[in-house]
Amino acid sequence: MSEKPIRVLVAKPGLDGHDRGAKIIARALRDAGMEVIYSGLRQSPEQIVNAALQEDVHCIGLSILSGAHNVILPRITDLLREKKLDDVLVVAGGIIPDQDIPKLKAGGISEIFLPGTSTQTIIKYIEENCGAASD
């Protein structure tokens, strides 16, 4: 029985132009055996959700540093629900104030990784929470 690798879309929503962290995470996920699709900079919520649908991903990893997380992340989770992609795990990382985290999680972001989180912590979380890969 061969298990399909976890497919992860790593995306940079909004106007944030800094992607070094996203590329480091993408490389770590790939090195851990996941299939990684990196969407590049300045992606709209619609582009991200459409890419997730087209690529049949198990997880979306969002990197956001711009301060627009309270607008962009809920838009992405709303679009995922509209497209019936409720089974896609959504995680985020970047500069997100502690007081914003509970609302974002209540809206559908499964976990938020702040600066300094080890890549092993992120890998372990995705592996433990992407049950769809074992279909």
N, C-alpha and C. Protein backbone atom coordinates (compact mmCIF):
# COMPACT_ATOMS: atom_id res chain seq x y z
N MET A 1 0.85 -1.19 0.00
CA MET A 1 0.00 0.00 0.00
C MET A 1 0.88 1.24 0.00
N SER A 2 0.85 1.99 -1.07
CA SER A 2 1.66 3.21 -1.11
C SER A 2 0.78 4.41 -0.78
N GLU A 3 1.29 5.22 0.11
CA GLU A 3 0.57 6.41 0.54
C GLU A 3 0.96 7.57 -0.36
N LYS A 4 -0.04 8.31 -0.79
CA LYS A 4 0.25 9.49 -1.62
C LYS A 4 0.94 10.54 -0.76
N PRO A 5 1.91 11.24 -1.33
CA PRO A 5 2.54 12.31 -0.56
C PRO A 5 1.55 13.45 -0.31
N ILE A 6 1.74 14.13 0.79
CA ILE A 6 0.93 15.30 1.10
C ILE A 6 1.28 16.39 0.10
N ARG A 7 0.24 16.98 -0.50
CA ARG A 7 0.44 18.07 -1.47
C ARG A 7 0.13 19.40 -0.77
N VAL A 8 1.10 20.30 -0.80
CA VAL A 8 0.99 21.58 -0.10
C VAL A 8 1.18 22.73 -1.08
N LEU A 9 0.25 23.67 -1.05
CA LEU A 9 0.38 24.91 -1.80
C LEU A 9 0.93 25.95 -0.83
N VAL A 10 2.09 26.50 -1.14
CA VAL A 10 2.66 27.59 -0.35
C VAL A 10 2.40 28.87 -1.12
N ALA A 11 1.75 29.82 -0.46
CA ALA A 11 1.32 31.04 -1.16
C ALA A 11 1.64 32.29 -0.36
N LYS A 12 1.86 33.37 -1.07
CA LYS A 12 2.11 34.69 -0.49
C LYS A 12 0.96 35.61 -0.90
N PRO A 13 -0.06 35.73 -0.05
CA PRO A 13 -1.20 36.57 -0.42
C PRO A 13 -0.92 38.06 -0.24
N GLY A 14 -1.62 38.86 -1.01
CA GLY A 14 -1.54 40.31 -0.84
C GLY A 14 -0.31 40.93 -1.47
N LEU A 15 0.00 42.12 -1.02
CA LEU A 15 1.05 42.92 -1.65
C LEU A 15 2.42 42.74 -1.02
N ASP A 16 2.53 41.82 -0.09
CA ASP A 16 3.79 41.56 0.58
C ASP A 16 4.81 41.05 -0.44
N GLY A 17 5.97 41.66 -0.48
CA GLY A 17 6.98 41.28 -1.45
C GLY A 17 8.14 40.49 -0.89
N HIS A 18 8.06 40.05 0.35
CA HIS A 18 9.16 39.34 0.99
C HIS A 18 8.83 37.86 1.05
N ASP A 19 9.60 37.01 0.35
CA ASP A 19 9.24 35.60 0.30
C ASP A 19 10.34 34.64 0.76
N ARG A 20 11.36 35.16 1.40
CA ARG A 20 12.45 34.29 1.84
C ARG A 20 11.94 33.19 2.78
N GLY A 21 11.12 33.57 3.77
CA GLY A 21 10.58 32.59 4.72
C GLY A 21 9.73 31.55 4.04
N ALA A 22 8.89 31.98 3.11
CA ALA A 22 8.03 31.04 2.39
C ALA A 22 8.86 30.04 1.60
N LYS A 23 9.94 30.50 1.00
CA LYS A 23 10.80 29.60 0.23
C LYS A 23 11.53 28.61 1.14
N ILE A 24 11.94 29.07 2.32
CA ILE A 24 12.59 28.17 3.28
C ILE A 24 11.61 27.07 3.72
N ILE A 25 10.37 27.47 4.02
CA ILE A 25 9.35 26.50 4.43
C ILE A 25 9.06 25.53 3.28
N ALA A 26 8.90 26.06 2.09
CA ALA A 26 8.62 25.20 0.92
C ALA A 26 9.72 24.16 0.75
N ARG A 27 10.96 24.57 0.88
CA ARG A 27 12.09 23.65 0.72
C ARG A 27 12.07 22.60 1.83
N ALA A 28 11.79 23.00 3.07
CA ALA A 28 11.75 22.06 4.19
C ALA A 28 10.63 21.04 4.00
N LEU A 29 9.47 21.49 3.56
CA LEU A 29 8.35 20.57 3.31
C LEU A 29 8.71 19.58 2.21
N ARG A 30 9.33 20.08 1.15
CA ARG A 30 9.75 19.20 0.05
C ARG A 30 10.77 18.17 0.54
N ASP A 31 11.73 18.64 1.34
CA ASP A 31 12.75 17.73 1.86
C ASP A 31 12.16 16.68 2.80
N ALA A 32 10.98 16.98 3.39
CA ALA A 32 10.29 16.04 4.27
C ALA A 32 9.42 15.06 3.48
N GLY A 33 9.44 15.17 2.15
CA GLY A 33 8.71 14.22 1.31
C GLY A 33 7.37 14.70 0.80
N MET A 34 7.04 15.95 1.05
CA MET A 34 5.77 16.48 0.56
C MET A 34 5.95 17.03 -0.86
N GLU A 35 4.85 17.03 -1.60
CA GLU A 35 4.85 17.69 -2.91
C GLU A 35 4.46 19.14 -2.66
N VAL A 36 5.30 20.06 -3.09
CA VAL A 36 5.08 21.47 -2.80
C VAL A 36 4.89 22.25 -4.10
N ILE A 37 3.85 23.05 -4.11
CA ILE A 37 3.59 23.98 -5.20
C ILE A 37 3.75 25.37 -4.61
N TYR A 38 4.68 26.14 -5.15
CA TYR A 38 4.88 27.51 -4.65
C TYR A 38 4.25 28.47 -5.66
N SER A 39 3.27 29.24 -5.21
CA SER A 39 2.51 30.08 -6.14
C SER A 39 3.16 31.41 -6.46
N GLY A 40 4.17 31.79 -5.70
CA GLY A 40 4.84 33.06 -5.98
C GLY A 40 4.22 34.21 -5.19
N LEU A 41 4.74 35.39 -5.46
CA LEU A 41 4.35 36.60 -4.74
C LEU A 41 3.04 37.20 -5.23
N ARG A 42 2.46 38.00 -4.34
CA ARG A 42 1.32 38.88 -4.65
C ARG A 42 0.12 38.14 -5.24
N GLN A 43 -0.28 37.08 -4.57
CA GLN A 43 -1.42 36.27 -5.02
C GLN A 43 -2.71 36.77 -4.37
N SER A 44 -3.76 36.85 -5.15
CA SER A 44 -5.06 37.23 -4.60
C SER A 44 -5.67 36.00 -3.93
N PRO A 45 -6.61 36.21 -3.01
CA PRO A 45 -7.30 35.05 -2.42
C PRO A 45 -7.91 34.14 -3.49
N GLU A 46 -8.48 34.73 -4.52
CA GLU A 46 -9.08 33.94 -5.61
C GLU A 46 -8.03 33.10 -6.33
N GLN A 47 -6.86 33.67 -6.60
CA GLN A 47 -5.80 32.92 -7.26
C GLN A 47 -5.34 31.75 -6.40
N ILE A 48 -5.22 31.99 -5.10
CA ILE A 48 -4.77 30.94 -4.18
C ILE A 48 -5.77 29.80 -4.13
N VAL A 49 -7.03 30.11 -3.97
CA VAL A 49 -8.06 29.07 -3.88
C VAL A 49 -8.18 28.32 -5.21
N ASN A 50 -8.12 29.02 -6.32
CA ASN A 50 -8.18 28.34 -7.62
C ASN A 50 -6.98 27.41 -7.81
N ALA A 51 -5.79 27.85 -7.38
CA ALA A 51 -4.61 26.99 -7.48
C ALA A 51 -4.77 25.76 -6.59
N ALA A 52 -5.33 25.94 -5.39
CA ALA A 52 -5.55 24.81 -4.49
C ALA A 52 -6.49 23.79 -5.12
N LEU A 53 -7.53 24.28 -5.78
CA LEU A 53 -8.50 23.41 -6.45
C LEU A 53 -7.84 22.67 -7.62
N GLN A 54 -7.14 23.41 -8.46
CA GLN A 54 -6.51 22.82 -9.65
C GLN A 54 -5.42 21.82 -9.29
N GLU A 55 -4.68 22.11 -8.23
CA GLU A 55 -3.56 21.25 -7.84
C GLU A 55 -3.96 20.13 -6.89
N ASP A 56 -5.23 20.11 -6.47
CA ASP A 56 -5.75 19.07 -5.59
C ASP A 56 -4.88 18.91 -4.34
N VAL A 57 -4.67 20.03 -3.64
CA VAL A 57 -3.79 20.02 -2.47
C VAL A 57 -4.51 19.56 -1.21
N HIS A 58 -3.73 19.09 -0.27
CA HIS A 58 -4.22 18.70 1.04
C HIS A 58 -4.10 19.85 2.03
N CYS A 59 -3.16 20.76 1.75
CA CYS A 59 -2.85 21.83 2.68
C CYS A 59 -2.46 23.09 1.92
N ILE A 60 -2.85 24.23 2.48
CA ILE A 60 -2.40 25.53 1.98
C ILE A 60 -1.61 26.18 3.10
N GLY A 61 -0.39 26.57 2.80
CA GLY A 61 0.44 27.30 3.74
C GLY A 61 0.56 28.74 3.27
N LEU A 62 0.07 29.65 4.08
CA LEU A 62 0.06 31.07 3.72
C LEU A 62 1.10 31.82 4.52
N SER A 63 1.91 32.61 3.84
CA SER A 63 2.91 33.43 4.50
C SER A 63 2.50 34.89 4.31
N ILE A 64 2.29 35.59 5.43
CA ILE A 64 1.81 36.96 5.33
C ILE A 64 2.53 37.85 6.34
N LEU A 65 3.10 38.91 5.82
CA LEU A 65 3.85 39.85 6.65
C LEU A 65 3.31 41.27 6.53
N SER A 66 2.32 41.47 5.68
CA SER A 66 1.89 42.81 5.30
C SER A 66 0.96 43.50 6.31
N GLY A 67 0.42 42.74 7.26
CA GLY A 67 -0.54 43.32 8.19
C GLY A 67 -1.98 43.21 7.73
N ALA A 68 -2.20 42.63 6.55
CA ALA A 68 -3.55 42.51 6.00
C ALA A 68 -4.18 41.15 6.33
N HIS A 69 -3.64 40.44 7.30
CA HIS A 69 -4.09 39.09 7.61
C HIS A 69 -5.57 39.02 8.04
N ASN A 70 -6.08 40.05 8.71
CA ASN A 70 -7.48 40.02 9.16
C ASN A 70 -8.48 40.19 8.03
N VAL A 71 -8.01 40.59 6.86
CA VAL A 71 -8.87 40.73 5.68
C VAL A 71 -8.63 39.56 4.73
N ILE A 72 -7.36 39.29 4.44
CA ILE A 72 -7.02 38.31 3.41
C ILE A 72 -7.28 36.87 3.86
N LEU A 73 -6.87 36.51 5.07
CA LEU A 73 -7.04 35.12 5.49
C LEU A 73 -8.50 34.70 5.60
N PRO A 74 -9.40 35.53 6.19
CA PRO A 74 -10.81 35.15 6.18
C PRO A 74 -11.40 35.05 4.77
N ARG A 75 -10.94 35.87 3.86
CA ARG A 75 -11.42 35.80 2.47
C ARG A 75 -11.03 34.45 1.86
N ILE A 76 -9.84 34.00 2.13
CA ILE A 76 -9.39 32.71 1.60
C ILE A 76 -10.23 31.57 2.18
N THR A 77 -10.45 31.58 3.49
CA THR A 77 -11.25 30.49 4.08
C THR A 77 -12.70 30.55 3.61
N ASP A 78 -13.25 31.74 3.40
CA ASP A 78 -14.60 31.85 2.84
C ASP A 78 -14.67 31.26 1.44
N LEU A 79 -13.69 31.58 0.60
CA LEU A 79 -13.67 31.05 -0.77
C LEU A 79 -13.51 29.53 -0.77
N LEU A 80 -12.70 29.01 0.14
CA LEU A 80 -12.54 27.55 0.23
C LEU A 80 -13.87 26.88 0.56
N ARG A 81 -14.62 27.47 1.49
CA ARG A 81 -15.93 26.91 1.83
C ARG A 81 -16.88 26.99 0.63
N GLU A 82 -16.86 28.12 -0.08
CA GLU A 82 -17.71 28.27 -1.27
C GLU A 82 -17.41 27.20 -2.31
N LYS A 83 -16.13 26.85 -2.46
CA LYS A 83 -15.72 25.87 -3.47
C LYS A 83 -15.77 24.44 -2.94
N LYS A 84 -16.33 24.28 -1.72
CA LYS A 84 -16.46 22.96 -1.09
C LYS A 84 -15.10 22.31 -0.84
N LEU A 85 -14.11 23.11 -0.48
CA LEU A 85 -12.78 22.61 -0.16
C LEU A 85 -12.55 22.65 1.35
N ASP A 86 -13.58 22.25 2.09
CA ASP A 86 -13.52 22.28 3.55
C ASP A 86 -12.49 21.32 4.12
N ASP A 87 -12.08 20.32 3.34
CA ASP A 87 -11.13 19.33 3.83
C ASP A 87 -9.67 19.76 3.65
N VAL A 88 -9.43 20.92 3.08
CA VAL A 88 -8.06 21.42 2.89
C VAL A 88 -7.61 22.09 4.18
N LEU A 89 -6.50 21.61 4.72
CA LEU A 89 -5.92 22.21 5.92
C LEU A 89 -5.30 23.55 5.55
N VAL A 90 -5.58 24.59 6.32
CA VAL A 90 -5.01 25.91 6.05
C VAL A 90 -4.20 26.35 7.25
N VAL A 91 -2.92 26.60 7.01
CA VAL A 91 -2.02 27.11 8.05
C VAL A 91 -1.44 28.43 7.56
N ALA A 92 -1.04 29.25 8.51
CA ALA A 92 -0.46 30.54 8.15
C ALA A 92 0.77 30.80 9.01
N GLY A 93 1.60 31.66 8.48
CA GLY A 93 2.78 32.07 9.22
C GLY A 93 3.13 33.49 8.86
N GLY A 94 3.89 34.11 9.74
CA GLY A 94 4.33 35.47 9.48
C GLY A 94 4.13 36.36 10.69
N ILE A 95 3.98 37.63 10.41
CA ILE A 95 3.83 38.63 11.46
C ILE A 95 2.33 38.80 11.74
N ILE A 96 1.86 38.08 12.76
CA ILE A 96 0.44 38.12 13.12
C ILE A 96 0.37 38.34 14.63
N PRO A 97 -0.18 39.47 15.06
CA PRO A 97 -0.26 39.75 16.50
C PRO A 97 -1.06 38.68 17.25
N ASP A 98 -0.61 38.37 18.47
CA ASP A 98 -1.26 37.35 19.29
C ASP A 98 -2.77 37.57 19.42
N GLN A 99 -3.19 38.83 19.55
CA GLN A 99 -4.62 39.10 19.77
C GLN A 99 -5.47 38.78 18.53
N ASP A 100 -4.86 38.66 17.36
CA ASP A 100 -5.61 38.35 16.14
C ASP A 100 -5.76 36.84 15.91
N ILE A 101 -4.95 36.04 16.57
CA ILE A 101 -4.91 34.60 16.31
C ILE A 101 -6.23 33.89 16.62
N PRO A 102 -6.86 34.12 17.77
CA PRO A 102 -8.12 33.38 18.05
C PRO A 102 -9.20 33.60 16.99
N LYS A 103 -9.36 34.81 16.52
CA LYS A 103 -10.39 35.09 15.51
C LYS A 103 -10.04 34.39 14.18
N LEU A 104 -8.78 34.41 13.81
CA LEU A 104 -8.37 33.76 12.57
C LEU A 104 -8.59 32.24 12.66
N LYS A 105 -8.27 31.66 13.80
CA LYS A 105 -8.49 30.22 13.98
C LYS A 105 -9.98 29.89 13.96
N ALA A 106 -10.78 30.73 14.59
CA ALA A 106 -12.23 30.51 14.58
C ALA A 106 -12.79 30.59 13.16
N GLY A 107 -12.13 31.35 12.30
CA GLY A 107 -12.57 31.51 10.92
C GLY A 107 -12.09 30.42 9.97
N GLY A 108 -11.26 29.50 10.45
CA GLY A 108 -10.87 28.40 9.59
C GLY A 108 -9.37 28.20 9.40
N ILE A 109 -8.54 29.07 9.95
CA ILE A 109 -7.10 28.84 9.88
C ILE A 109 -6.77 27.82 10.97
N SER A 110 -6.21 26.69 10.60
CA SER A 110 -5.99 25.60 11.55
C SER A 110 -4.89 25.93 12.56
N GLU A 111 -3.80 26.52 12.07
CA GLU A 111 -2.69 26.86 12.97
C GLU A 111 -1.94 28.06 12.39
N ILE A 112 -1.34 28.81 13.30
CA ILE A 112 -0.55 29.98 12.91
C ILE A 112 0.83 29.83 13.52
N PHE A 113 1.83 29.91 12.66
CA PHE A 113 3.22 29.76 13.08
C PHE A 113 3.89 31.13 13.03
N LEU A 114 4.38 31.55 14.17
CA LEU A 114 5.01 32.87 14.28
C LEU A 114 6.50 32.77 13.99
N PRO A 115 7.16 33.91 13.74
CA PRO A 115 8.59 33.89 13.47
C PRO A 115 9.34 33.13 14.58
N GLY A 116 10.29 32.32 14.15
CA GLY A 116 11.07 31.54 15.10
C GLY A 116 10.60 30.11 15.24
N THR A 117 9.42 29.78 14.69
CA THR A 117 8.92 28.40 14.74
C THR A 117 9.85 27.53 13.90
N SER A 118 10.23 26.38 14.43
CA SER A 118 11.12 25.50 13.67
C SER A 118 10.38 24.86 12.50
N THR A 119 11.13 24.58 11.45
CA THR A 119 10.52 23.92 10.30
C THR A 119 10.02 22.54 10.69
N GLN A 120 10.69 21.88 11.64
CA GLN A 120 10.25 20.55 12.09
C GLN A 120 8.89 20.61 12.76
N THR A 121 8.61 21.69 13.50
CA THR A 121 7.31 21.86 14.14
C THR A 121 6.21 21.98 13.08
N ILE A 122 6.50 22.74 12.03
CA ILE A 122 5.53 22.94 10.94
C ILE A 122 5.30 21.63 10.19
N ILE A 123 6.38 20.94 9.87
CA ILE A 123 6.28 19.66 9.16
C ILE A 123 5.43 18.67 9.97
N LYS A 124 5.73 18.55 11.25
CA LYS A 124 5.01 17.62 12.11
C LYS A 124 3.53 17.97 12.17
N TYR A 125 3.21 19.26 12.29
CA TYR A 125 1.81 19.67 12.36
C TYR A 125 1.07 19.28 11.08
N ILE A 126 1.67 19.56 9.93
CA ILE A 126 1.01 19.24 8.66
C ILE A 126 0.85 17.73 8.52
N GLU A 127 1.89 16.97 8.83
CA GLU A 127 1.80 15.51 8.72
C GLU A 127 0.70 14.95 9.62
N GLU A 128 0.57 15.48 10.82
CA GLU A 128 -0.41 14.96 11.78
C GLU A 128 -1.84 15.40 11.46
N ASN A 129 -2.00 16.45 10.66
CA ASN A 129 -3.33 17.00 10.44
C ASN A 129 -3.83 16.91 8.99
N CYS A 130 -3.07 16.25 8.14
CA CYS A 130 -3.50 16.05 6.74
C CYS A 130 -3.90 14.61 6.53
N GLY A 131 -5.05 14.25 7.03
CA GLY A 131 -5.55 12.89 6.86
C GLY A 131 -5.90 12.56 5.43
N ALA A 132 -6.13 13.59 4.60
CA ALA A 132 -6.56 13.37 3.22
C ALA A 132 -5.51 12.67 2.39
N ALA A 133 -4.24 12.77 2.78
CA ALA A 133 -3.18 12.19 1.97
C ALA A 133 -3.18 10.68 1.99
N SER A 134 -3.83 10.09 2.98
CA SER A 134 -3.82 8.63 3.06
C SER A 134 -5.03 7.97 2.39
N ASP A 135 -5.80 8.74 1.62
CA ASP A 135 -6.98 8.18 0.92
C ASP A 135 -6.56 7.04 0.01
